Structures are given as C-alpha cells and as structure tokens.
Amino acid sequence: MKRRIILLLVTVLLLVTTSSAAAQEYSFNLNQEIVHVFWNSDGTLSLDYYFVFTNDPGAHVIDFVDVGMPNSDYDFSSITADVDGNSLSISSDFKGDGPYGFAVDMGAYAIQPGEAGHVHIAVGRITHMLYNDTNEPKTYASGEFSPAYWTTAHGATDLTVVFHLPPDMPPGEPRYHNPAGGWPGNDAP
C-alpha cells in the first residue's frame, strides 16, 4: 500500500511538472527597439535592428526571435544576426505575427525567464518597397515602413526609427505624407 501511494505521488508530481512546463508561453517586455531604415538608391530597403528584451519570470525561454518583414521580397541570404558580435543562425521557420518573416535562433544566447538580453539583426536587401507617390506619381516615389512588433510583448517600448535616405538625394526632395491609417500620435512625426 505504501508503495502504491509513493508511486501515485511521484506520478502526480511528474504530471504537474510536465504540464506546467508545457503550458509556458512567450511573455516579455520589449524594452528597446532601434531600427535604422536605409532607403537605397537602387530602390531597395535595408534594415538594421537592435532589440532589448526582458523575459517574464515563469515564461518560455526566448529561444527564437521571430522578425516580421514588410513583404516576401527580402533576400534571405542577406540576413545576419548576432549577440555582441557572436553570430546567430537564421531560420525560415517564422511563427511570428504577419505573413512574412524569419526566425533568429538564439542558441546559447537564449534569454532565460526573468532575464534580459539583446540581439542585433540586419536585413541587407528588401525589394518592392517603393511605389508611385499618390500626390505626384510622375515625379516622386513613396515608401512606407512599420517596425517589427510582437503581440506577446507587453509594457512600454523605447522605440526609435531612423530613416536614412539615399546619399545622392537632394535636400529639397524628401516629402512627408500622413500614413493611410492616420498618425497615432498627438503631433506629426
């Protein structure tokens, strides 16, 4: 009888431990996101991201960082990622928000529950990001960009987006248009 009780307790303990581990979800704060958006002279776009995450205690380890892309026309071979200069693997197994993207395998730099970490990601070439301007279609091209985001993130994010225009663009050429959905802030950017 004693043996059965001990066996039952061990079984219950194993089931509880296994089910709580299986139930872990991604839950984190994206403390900081810096993205440099390079509008290149050839009409392509290049991105340089820096993310700082704080993983919630008890959450799933951040072992992959899914990065959404604006379209499917990105050069997968141009993507690099690192933590402090240590290269990370890139995977096409994207499970993030939106239809397009890639995953960064954090490997030995996975962010453990309750810990903070950062990752640097560069995308060298994205095409089909420019289109005819709505106001002056024969004179100007337009482009829109929205930074990567995660629906599993919570809290405030210090977000910086820097547009780098082609070096050969004259100073009087750039124009600003309100986004199609409107600007969410109080003032124009």
Foldseek 3Di string as FASTA:
>chain_A
DVVVVVVVVVVVVVVVVVVLLVPAAWAKAFAEKEKEWECAPVRWIKIKIKTKIFTAASHDWQQKDKFFDPDAQFDPVQKWKDFVPHTWDKAQPHPFPDDDTIMTGCVVNTADHRGMGMMMMIGGTGHPQWAADPVHRVPDIDGDDDGTDGPNHDDDYHYHYHYHYYPPDDPVPDDDDADPVGDPDPDDD
